[in-house]
């Protein structure tokens, strides 16, 4: 019985940690690469 509770508690902790890191904020607001032209300018140049 104790082993079952320990296993469930461990799995819950692992899943909770995975959710926290998986749903964390990424660096979505990164600056664009200065060596690349924006796509609008590339369309006008072609």
C-alpha atoms as a PDB file:
ATOM      1  CA  UNK A   1       0.000   0.000   0.000  1.00  0.00           C
ATOM      2  CA  UNK A   2       2.809   2.421   0.907  1.00  0.00           C
ATOM      3  CA  UNK A   3       4.654   1.625  -2.333  1.00  0.00           C
ATOM      4  CA  UNK A   4       1.539   2.469  -4.338  1.00  0.00           C
ATOM      5  CA  UNK A   5       1.189   5.881  -2.664  1.00  0.00           C
ATOM      6  CA  UNK A   6       4.882   6.608  -3.159  1.00  0.00           C
ATOM      7  CA  UNK A   7       4.660   5.693  -6.845  1.00  0.00           C
ATOM      8  CA  UNK A   8       1.584   7.849  -7.416  1.00  0.00           C
ATOM      9  CA  UNK A   9       3.170  10.775  -5.559  1.00  0.00           C
ATOM     10  CA  UNK A  10       6.383  10.492  -7.574  1.00  0.00           C
ATOM     11  CA  UNK A  11       4.522  10.339 -10.872  1.00  0.00           C
ATOM     12  CA  UNK A  12       2.395  13.334  -9.894  1.00  0.00           C
ATOM     13  CA  UNK A  13       5.526  15.330  -9.030  1.00  0.00           C
ATOM     14  CA  UNK A  14       7.188  14.422 -12.341  1.00  0.00           C
ATOM     15  CA  UNK A  15       4.098  15.335 -14.354  1.00  0.00           C
ATOM     16  CA  UNK A  16       3.639  18.611 -12.475  1.00  0.00           C
ATOM     17  CA  UNK A  17       7.255  19.568 -13.090  1.00  0.00           C
ATOM     18  CA  UNK A  18       6.883  18.709 -16.768  1.00  0.00           C
ATOM     19  CA  UNK A  19       3.821  20.932 -17.035  1.00  0.00           C
ATOM     20  CA  UNK A  20       5.594  23.837 -15.385  1.00  0.00           C
ATOM     21  CA  UNK A  21       8.573  23.662 -17.730  1.00  0.00           C
ATOM     22  CA  UNK A  22       6.512  22.773 -20.809  1.00  0.00           C
ATOM     23  CA  UNK A  23       4.081  25.658 -20.374  1.00  0.00           C
ATOM     24  CA  UNK A  24       6.716  28.176 -19.311  1.00  0.00           C
ATOM     25  CA  UNK A  25       7.278  31.316 -21.295  1.00  0.00           C
ATOM     26  CA  UNK A  26       9.731  30.958 -24.126  1.00  0.00           C
ATOM     27  CA  UNK A  27      11.689  33.786 -25.696  1.00  0.00           C
ATOM     28  CA  UNK A  28       8.973  34.548 -28.242  1.00  0.00           C
ATOM     29  CA  UNK A  29       9.934  38.227 -28.368  1.00  0.00           C
ATOM     30  CA  UNK A  30      13.364  37.644 -29.838  1.00  0.00           C
ATOM     31  CA  UNK A  31      14.838  40.302 -32.062  1.00  0.00           C
ATOM     32  CA  UNK A  32      14.922  39.314 -35.728  1.00  0.00           C
ATOM     33  CA  UNK A  33      18.261  38.298 -37.175  1.00  0.00           C
ATOM     34  CA  UNK A  34      19.861  41.482 -38.587  1.00  0.00           C
ATOM     35  CA  UNK A  35      21.453  39.507 -41.437  1.00  0.00           C
ATOM     36  CA  UNK A  36      18.059  38.482 -42.812  1.00  0.00           C
ATOM     37  CA  UNK A  37      15.784  40.812 -44.760  1.00  0.00           C
ATOM     38  CA  UNK A  38      12.123  40.983 -43.767  1.00  0.00           C
ATOM     39  CA  UNK A  39       9.865  38.915 -46.003  1.00  0.00           C
ATOM     40  CA  UNK A  40       8.052  42.004 -47.333  1.00  0.00           C
ATOM     41  CA  UNK A  41      11.295  43.486 -48.603  1.00  0.00           C
ATOM     42  CA  UNK A  42      12.275  40.170 -50.157  1.00  0.00           C
ATOM     43  CA  UNK A  43       8.978  40.079 -52.083  1.00  0.00           C
ATOM     44  CA  UNK A  44       9.497  43.607 -53.419  1.00  0.00           C
ATOM     45  CA  UNK A  45      13.092  42.890 -54.457  1.00  0.00           C
ATOM     46  CA  UNK A  46      12.120  39.841 -56.524  1.00  0.00           C
END
